[in-house]
Protein backbone atom coordinates (compact mmCIF):
# COMPACT_ATOMS: atom_id res chain seq x y z
CA MET A 1 -8.01 27.78 -12.78
CA PRO A 2 -7.52 23.95 -12.49
CA LEU A 3 -4.43 24.16 -14.72
CA THR A 4 -3.04 26.86 -12.44
CA PHE A 5 -3.49 24.55 -9.45
CA PHE A 6 -1.75 21.71 -11.29
CA TRP A 7 1.21 23.89 -12.24
CA ILE A 8 1.58 25.18 -8.69
CA PHE A 9 1.42 21.62 -7.36
CA LEU A 10 4.06 20.43 -9.86
CA ILE A 11 6.33 23.33 -8.90
CA THR A 12 6.07 22.39 -5.21
CA MET A 13 7.03 18.80 -6.09
CA VAL A 14 10.08 19.98 -8.06
CA LEU A 15 11.11 22.14 -5.11
CA GLY A 16 10.99 19.09 -2.84
CA ILE A 17 8.08 20.30 -0.72
CA PRO A 18 6.17 17.39 0.91
CA ILE A 19 3.18 16.28 -1.15
CA ALA A 20 0.60 17.13 1.52
CA PHE A 21 1.86 20.71 1.82
CA GLY A 22 2.01 21.02 -1.97
CA LEU A 23 -1.62 19.91 -2.26
CA ALA A 24 -2.59 22.46 0.39
CA ALA A 25 -0.52 25.27 -1.11
CA ALA A 26 -1.85 24.87 -4.67
CA PRO A 27 -5.43 26.07 -4.03
CA VAL A 28 -4.30 28.77 -1.58
CA ILE A 29 -1.80 30.30 -4.01
CA GLY A 30 -4.18 29.75 -6.93
CA PHE A 31 -7.02 31.63 -5.24
CA ILE A 32 -4.65 34.45 -4.25
CA LEU A 33 -3.45 34.81 -7.85
CA ALA A 34 -7.06 34.79 -9.08
CA ASN A 35 -8.01 37.37 -6.42
CA LYS A 36 -10.66 35.04 -4.97
CA LEU A 37 -9.63 35.27 -1.34
CA VAL A 38 -13.11 34.42 -0.05
CA PHE A 39 -12.67 30.80 -1.17
CA ILE A 40 -9.56 30.39 0.99
CA LYS A 41 -11.77 30.55 4.10
CA LEU A 42 -13.58 27.42 2.91
CA LEU A 43 -10.43 25.30 2.53
CA PRO A 44 -10.00 24.30 6.22
CA GLN A 45 -13.64 23.22 6.34
CA ARG A 46 -13.23 21.13 3.19
CA LEU A 47 -10.06 19.56 4.61
CA PHE A 48 -11.88 18.59 7.82
CA ILE A 49 -14.81 17.16 5.88
CA GLY A 50 -12.34 15.13 3.81
CA ILE A 51 -11.01 13.24 6.84
CA ASN A 52 -14.13 13.31 9.04
CA GLN A 53 -15.52 10.10 7.55
CA PHE A 54 -16.17 6.81 9.31
CA PRO A 55 -14.52 4.52 6.71
CA LEU A 56 -11.19 6.33 7.19
CA LEU A 57 -11.02 5.00 10.77
CA ALA A 58 -9.88 1.75 9.16
CA ILE A 59 -6.53 3.35 8.26
CA PRO A 60 -5.16 3.97 11.79
CA MET A 61 -6.73 0.69 12.94
CA PHE A 62 -4.96 -1.41 10.30
CA LEU A 63 -1.71 0.46 10.98
CA LEU A 64 -2.09 -0.18 14.71
CA ALA A 65 -2.73 -3.90 14.17
CA GLY A 66 0.42 -4.13 12.04
CA GLU A 67 2.50 -2.23 14.61
CA ILE A 68 1.28 -4.45 17.44
CA MET A 69 2.15 -7.63 15.57
CA ASN A 70 5.51 -6.28 14.47
CA LYS A 71 6.43 -5.18 18.00
CA GLY A 72 5.17 -8.49 19.35
CA GLY A 73 7.64 -10.48 17.25
CA ILE A 74 5.03 -11.79 14.82
CA THR A 75 7.21 -10.78 11.87
CA LYS A 76 9.95 -13.21 12.93
CA ARG A 77 7.45 -16.07 13.14
CA ILE A 78 6.23 -15.34 9.60
CA VAL A 79 9.81 -15.16 8.28
CA ARG A 80 10.61 -18.50 9.94
CA PHE A 81 7.53 -20.12 8.40
CA ALA A 82 8.42 -18.76 4.96
CA SER A 83 12.00 -20.00 5.41
CA VAL A 84 10.82 -23.53 6.15
CA LEU A 85 8.64 -23.53 3.02
CA VAL A 86 11.01 -22.09 0.39
CA GLY A 87 14.37 -21.64 2.11
CA HIS A 88 15.77 -24.81 0.51
CA LEU A 89 15.54 -23.32 -3.01
CA ARG A 90 18.54 -21.72 -4.68
CA GLY A 91 18.52 -18.10 -3.60
CA GLY A 92 16.48 -19.26 -0.62
CA LEU A 93 16.52 -16.06 1.43
CA ALA A 94 15.35 -14.04 -1.56
CA HIS A 95 12.40 -16.43 -1.96
CA VAL A 96 11.79 -16.20 1.79
CA ASN A 97 11.72 -12.42 1.45
CA ILE A 98 9.05 -12.54 -1.25
CA LEU A 99 6.88 -15.17 0.45
CA ALA A 100 7.13 -13.34 3.78
CA SER A 101 5.94 -10.16 2.02
CA ILE A 102 2.91 -12.04 0.70
CA LEU A 103 2.10 -13.36 4.17
CA PHE A 104 2.84 -10.07 5.95
CA ALA A 105 0.63 -8.20 3.47
CA GLY A 106 -2.38 -9.75 5.17
CA LEU A 107 -1.35 -8.11 8.44
CA SER A 108 -0.19 -4.58 7.61
CA GLY A 109 -1.75 -3.36 4.35
CA SER A 110 1.15 -0.98 3.82
CA ALA A 111 4.20 -1.24 1.56
CA VAL A 112 6.25 1.01 3.85
CA ALA A 113 5.41 -1.10 6.92
CA ASP A 114 6.29 -4.24 4.96
CA THR A 115 9.66 -2.85 3.88
CA SER A 116 10.54 -1.62 7.36
CA ALA A 117 9.45 -4.73 9.27
CA LEU A 118 10.82 -7.41 6.93
CA GLY A 119 13.81 -5.42 5.68
CA SER A 120 15.22 -4.96 9.17
CA ILE A 121 15.31 -8.75 9.54
CA LEU A 122 16.02 -10.08 6.05
CA ILE A 123 18.39 -7.53 4.51
CA PRO A 124 21.13 -8.11 7.16
CA ALA A 125 20.50 -11.87 6.97
CA MET A 126 20.84 -11.88 3.18
CA GLU A 127 24.05 -9.84 3.31
CA LYS A 128 25.48 -12.24 5.89
CA ASP A 129 24.59 -15.17 3.62
CA GLY A 130 26.55 -13.74 0.68
CA TYR A 131 23.95 -11.71 -1.20
CA THR A 132 24.93 -8.25 -2.39
CA THR A 133 23.48 -5.26 -0.56
CA LYS A 134 21.86 -3.96 -3.75
CA PHE A 135 20.12 -7.25 -4.46
CA SER A 136 18.97 -7.66 -0.86
CA ALA A 137 17.48 -4.17 -0.71
CA GLY A 138 16.03 -4.50 -4.21
CA VAL A 139 14.20 -7.74 -3.46
CA THR A 140 12.84 -6.30 -0.22
CA ALA A 141 11.58 -3.12 -1.90
CA ALA A 142 10.09 -4.93 -4.90
CA SER A 143 8.29 -7.58 -2.85
CA SER A 144 6.91 -4.95 -0.46
CA VAL A 145 4.80 -3.65 -3.34
CA ILE A 146 2.54 -6.67 -2.73
CA GLY A 147 1.56 -5.23 0.67
CA PRO A 148 -1.11 -2.78 -0.55
CA ILE A 149 -2.54 -5.29 -3.06
CA ILE A 150 -3.32 -8.29 -0.86
CA PRO A 151 -5.96 -7.35 1.75
CA PRO A 152 -6.21 -5.56 4.04
CA SER A 153 -5.09 -2.55 2.00
CA ILE A 154 -5.03 1.08 3.09
CA ILE A 155 -5.14 2.47 -0.45
CA MET A 156 -8.15 0.27 -1.25
CA VAL A 157 -9.96 1.74 1.75
CA VAL A 158 -9.21 5.21 0.37
CA TYR A 159 -10.31 4.24 -3.15
CA GLY A 160 -13.52 2.68 -1.87
CA LEU A 161 -14.33 5.87 0.03
CA VAL A 162 -13.60 8.25 -2.84
CA MET A 163 -15.28 6.24 -5.59
CA SER A 164 -18.11 4.72 -3.49
CA THR A 165 -16.86 1.25 -4.37
CA SER A 166 -17.28 -1.81 -2.14
CA VAL A 167 -14.17 -2.14 0.04
CA ALA A 168 -14.98 -5.82 0.56
CA GLY A 169 -15.06 -6.27 -3.22
CA LEU A 170 -11.73 -4.46 -3.56
CA PHE A 171 -10.16 -6.66 -0.89
CA LEU A 172 -11.37 -9.80 -2.64
CA ALA A 173 -10.23 -8.54 -6.05
CA GLY A 174 -6.71 -7.90 -4.78
CA PHE A 175 -5.88 -11.51 -3.92
CA VAL A 176 -5.18 -12.91 -7.40
CA PRO A 177 -3.09 -9.95 -8.67
CA GLY A 178 -1.08 -9.99 -5.43
CA LEU A 179 -0.36 -13.71 -5.67
CA LEU A 180 0.52 -13.41 -9.38
CA MET A 181 2.96 -10.60 -8.59
CA GLY A 182 4.58 -12.70 -5.88
CA GLY A 183 4.79 -15.75 -8.14
CA GLY A 184 6.32 -13.70 -10.95
CA MET A 185 8.94 -12.27 -8.59
CA MET A 186 9.88 -15.75 -7.38
CA ILE A 187 10.33 -16.96 -10.97
CA VAL A 188 12.62 -14.03 -11.78
CA THR A 189 14.50 -14.57 -8.51
CA ALA A 190 15.03 -18.26 -9.37
CA ILE A 191 16.49 -17.30 -12.77
CA ILE A 192 18.83 -14.69 -11.25
CA ALA A 193 19.85 -17.05 -8.44
CA LYS A 194 20.82 -19.79 -10.91
CA LYS A 195 22.69 -17.35 -13.15
CA LYS A 196 24.67 -15.79 -10.29
CA GLY A 197 25.11 -18.96 -8.26
CA PHE A 198 23.40 -17.79 -5.10
CA PRO A 199 23.60 -20.13 -2.07
CA GLN A 200 21.22 -23.04 -1.59
CA ARG A 201 20.32 -24.92 1.56
CA GLU A 202 21.53 -28.51 1.47
CA ARG A 203 18.27 -30.10 2.61
CA ARG A 204 14.57 -29.45 2.89
CA ALA A 205 13.04 -28.76 6.26
CA SER A 206 11.83 -31.85 8.09
CA LEU A 207 8.17 -32.42 8.90
CA LYS A 208 8.93 -31.61 12.52
CA GLU A 209 10.48 -28.26 11.56
CA LEU A 210 7.54 -27.54 9.26
CA TRP A 211 5.06 -28.32 12.02
CA GLU A 212 6.87 -26.13 14.56
CA ALA A 213 7.05 -23.21 12.12
CA LEU A 214 3.38 -23.61 11.18
CA ARG A 215 2.35 -23.78 14.82
CA GLY A 216 4.22 -20.54 15.51
CA ALA A 217 2.75 -18.69 12.53
CA PHE A 218 -0.74 -20.18 12.41
CA LEU A 219 -2.51 -17.76 14.76
CA PRO A 220 -0.97 -14.60 13.19
CA LEU A 221 -1.89 -15.86 9.72
CA LEU A 222 -5.53 -16.08 10.80
CA THR A 223 -5.68 -12.27 10.83
CA PRO A 224 -6.59 -11.82 7.13
CA VAL A 225 -9.01 -14.76 7.43
CA ILE A 226 -10.81 -13.01 10.29
CA ILE A 227 -10.84 -9.69 8.42
CA LEU A 228 -12.09 -11.00 5.08
CA GLY A 229 -14.31 -13.68 6.57
CA GLY A 230 -16.02 -11.17 8.84
CA ILE A 231 -16.56 -8.67 6.02
CA LEU A 232 -17.82 -11.15 3.43
CA SER A 233 -20.11 -12.90 5.92
CA GLY A 234 -21.63 -9.56 6.91
CA VAL A 235 -20.54 -9.78 10.54
CA PHE A 236 -18.84 -6.38 10.37
CA THR A 237 -17.95 -3.56 7.98
CA PRO A 238 -14.36 -2.98 6.75
CA THR A 239 -13.90 -0.32 9.43
CA GLU A 240 -15.20 -2.63 12.14
CA ALA A 241 -12.97 -5.36 10.70
CA ALA A 242 -9.97 -3.10 11.30
CA GLY A 243 -11.05 -2.73 14.93
CA ALA A 244 -11.42 -6.51 15.19
CA ALA A 245 -7.89 -6.88 13.77
CA VAL A 246 -6.54 -4.60 16.51
CA ALA A 247 -8.38 -6.55 19.22
CA TYR A 248 -7.12 -9.86 17.81
CA ALA A 249 -3.55 -8.54 17.58
CA LEU A 250 -3.67 -7.34 21.20
CA ILE A 251 -5.09 -10.61 22.53
CA LEU A 252 -2.61 -12.62 20.48
CA SER A 253 0.48 -10.59 21.44
CA LEU A 254 -0.38 -9.75 25.07
CA VAL A 255 -2.29 -12.80 26.29
CA VAL A 256 -1.74 -15.84 24.04
CA LEU A 257 1.87 -15.51 22.86
CA ARG A 258 2.93 -13.01 25.55
CA THR A 259 5.50 -11.46 23.22
CA LEU A 260 4.28 -7.89 23.83
CA LYS A 261 4.50 -6.03 27.15
CA LEU A 262 2.19 -3.28 28.36
CA ARG A 263 5.16 -0.93 28.52
CA ASP A 264 5.58 -1.37 24.75
CA LEU A 265 2.12 0.02 23.97
CA PRO A 266 2.93 3.77 24.30
CA ASN A 267 5.64 3.46 21.64
CA VAL A 268 3.32 1.40 19.42
CA LEU A 269 0.57 4.01 19.75
CA TYR A 270 3.04 6.84 19.08
CA ARG A 271 4.35 5.24 15.87
CA THR A 272 0.80 4.52 14.72
CA GLY A 273 -0.26 8.09 15.48
CA VAL A 274 2.60 9.58 13.46
CA SER A 275 1.93 7.33 10.46
CA SER A 276 -1.83 7.88 10.62
CA ALA A 277 -1.49 11.66 10.90
CA ALA A 278 0.73 11.78 7.81
CA ILE A 279 -1.66 9.66 5.74
CA LEU A 280 -4.83 11.45 6.86
CA PHE A 281 -3.29 14.88 6.27
CA VAL A 282 -2.55 13.81 2.70
CA VAL A 283 -6.12 12.50 2.37
CA GLY A 284 -7.53 15.81 3.62
CA THR A 285 -5.45 18.06 1.37
CA ALA A 286 -5.94 15.78 -1.64
CA THR A 287 -9.70 15.84 -1.04
CA VAL A 288 -9.67 19.64 -1.23
CA PHE A 289 -7.58 19.54 -4.40
CA SER A 290 -9.68 16.88 -6.14
CA GLY A 291 -12.91 18.62 -5.12
CA ILE A 292 -11.84 21.79 -6.90
CA ILE A 293 -10.85 19.76 -9.97
CA ALA A 294 -14.24 18.03 -10.01
CA ILE A 295 -16.16 21.32 -9.77
CA SER A 296 -14.15 22.71 -12.69
CA GLY A 297 -15.59 20.07 -15.04
CA LEU A 298 -12.15 18.69 -15.89
CA PRO A 299 -13.26 15.01 -15.66
CA THR A 300 -15.86 15.59 -18.40
CA LYS A 301 -13.35 17.40 -20.61
CA LEU A 302 -10.75 14.67 -20.09
CA GLY A 303 -13.31 11.99 -20.94
CA ALA A 304 -14.12 13.74 -24.22
CA PHE A 305 -10.41 14.05 -24.98
CA ILE A 306 -9.79 10.35 -24.34
CA PHE A 307 -12.69 9.36 -26.60
CA SER A 308 -11.27 11.61 -29.32
CA ILE A 309 -8.03 9.57 -29.28
CA THR A 310 -9.57 6.11 -29.55
CA ASP A 311 -12.61 4.13 -28.48
CA ASN A 312 -10.71 0.83 -28.39
CA ILE A 313 -11.16 -0.40 -24.84
CA TYR A 314 -7.95 -2.47 -24.80
CA LEU A 315 -5.81 0.40 -26.06
CA LEU A 316 -7.36 2.70 -23.47
CA LEU A 317 -6.62 0.21 -20.69
CA PHE A 318 -3.03 -0.06 -21.91
CA LEU A 319 -2.65 3.74 -21.91
CA VAL A 320 -4.17 3.99 -18.42
CA ASN A 321 -1.73 1.35 -17.14
CA ILE A 322 1.21 3.33 -18.51
CA LEU A 323 -0.17 6.60 -17.13
CA MET A 324 -0.68 5.16 -13.63
CA LEU A 325 2.81 3.65 -13.64
CA ILE A 326 4.37 7.01 -14.57
CA VAL A 327 2.27 8.89 -12.02
CA GLY A 328 3.27 6.38 -9.35
CA MET A 329 6.94 7.19 -9.97
CA PHE A 330 6.40 10.75 -8.76
CA LEU A 331 3.28 10.72 -6.59
CA ASP A 332 2.32 8.56 -3.63
CA ALA A 333 -0.60 6.19 -4.21
CA THR A 334 -3.04 7.84 -1.78
CA PRO A 335 -3.04 11.38 -3.26
CA ALA A 336 -2.85 9.93 -6.78
CA ILE A 337 -6.05 7.96 -6.17
CA LEU A 338 -7.78 10.95 -4.62
CA ILE A 339 -6.84 13.23 -7.52
CA LEU A 340 -7.01 10.93 -10.56
CA GLY A 341 -9.72 8.49 -9.44
CA PRO A 342 -12.64 10.93 -9.81
CA ILE A 343 -11.19 12.14 -13.13
CA LEU A 344 -10.56 8.81 -14.87
CA ALA A 345 -13.03 6.38 -13.29
CA PRO A 346 -16.24 7.87 -14.78
CA THR A 347 -14.77 7.64 -18.29
CA MET A 348 -13.67 4.04 -17.77
CA MET A 349 -17.09 3.11 -16.36
CA SER A 350 -18.80 4.61 -19.41
CA LEU A 351 -16.76 2.21 -21.57
CA GLY A 352 -18.14 -0.76 -19.67
CA ILE A 353 -15.03 -1.45 -17.56
CA HIS A 354 -15.99 -2.96 -14.21
CA PRO A 355 -15.31 -0.61 -11.25
CA LEU A 356 -13.26 -3.27 -9.44
CA HIS A 357 -11.22 -3.95 -12.58
CA PHE A 358 -10.25 -0.30 -12.94
CA ALA A 359 -9.62 0.02 -9.19
CA ILE A 360 -7.10 -2.82 -9.23
CA ILE A 361 -5.40 -1.33 -12.31
CA MET A 362 -4.92 1.93 -10.41
CA CYS A 363 -3.80 0.32 -7.17
CA VAL A 364 -1.31 -2.12 -8.74
CA ASN A 365 0.38 0.40 -11.03
CA LEU A 366 0.56 3.13 -8.40
CA THR A 367 2.10 0.77 -5.84
CA VAL A 368 4.66 -0.45 -8.39
CA GLY A 369 5.59 3.21 -8.68
CA LEU A 370 6.52 3.15 -4.98
CA ALA A 371 9.51 1.00 -5.90
CA THR A 372 10.39 2.88 -9.10
CA PRO A 373 12.88 5.78 -9.35
CA PRO A 374 13.17 8.70 -9.06
CA LEU A 375 10.89 9.16 -6.03
CA GLY A 376 10.07 5.60 -4.98
CA LEU A 377 9.29 5.93 -1.27
CA ILE A 378 10.07 2.35 -0.28
CA LEU A 379 13.44 2.60 -2.05
CA PHE A 380 14.43 5.21 0.52
CA VAL A 381 13.12 3.02 3.36
CA ALA A 382 15.09 -0.01 2.09
CA SER A 383 18.26 2.04 1.59
CA SER A 384 18.03 3.40 5.14
CA ILE A 385 18.23 -0.17 6.47
CA THR A 386 21.39 -1.11 4.54
């Protein structure tokens, strides 16, 4: 039965059916083929249970905070601050793009939001400055992968819920990998910029320019500090932290900076609602799918199969990295975590791998897949801007 569901799901992907509908169709068609129609009546209930969980409230809240700050012009302030810091380097705007993605990651928690917000500003600016369209879009898409790694992170909230792992621990564990990814991208960018002779600003920013840029970006950059500080100090839970982020974004944009008008809020809420509905529908259908897989005993069978290949922990970690990267090329991170997390995590834990270690392996590789052909979602977002 589980293999039937997998084959049906793969067929829906090949046909180009949206992932959420494919995840919903697989058990329905599977039960019809197996003549077990009574189980179909339980699917809507399982879907509702999958999304009717308090921790998932963090998802629309983090999305709303990011939308408010983007609409309130916060993105431009972050880009300006990044430009002052690294804009003088050869290939300056490419470095600005990467650094801005690192900074913006602490506000949105979404690779798609990162690509859309920063790409709409930096891709045209890079093209105007002499960079090729392909390079401009490529840097934007690649650096946006950092968004779901540096906290707050939507996929880490989902992982923490599914695997009963500390979301605060996941947020803290994402910092170093996210910064390493950003640093690696800047090194590669510097090499490419020197090889291709990309433009370079004649002088560094003055202390006055640095101070003005820092003053403009300081309050927005406090957002991740408030979120993580509040969680780690025990003041509020990750879900409550998301609510605090929304409140801070509203106060900052409406009252302090006055860059957001009340008439802008309906559009902000609409965009957040659409994005949240899409994500939560995927979460619900993937929960149904993964629940059926778990009941079938597939995780235990897969664990036995993995042990039969090798018991070398480093080789297993290498194979899991490759597997997650390949899966990320075809499947969005959220459903991939919901489906594969309960299958692989127990086996990895039995080998002594720390839950946070394995969680970051999954999250990093799956988000890299977002920028990898053939179905890299943020590639389509970046190409739509050019």
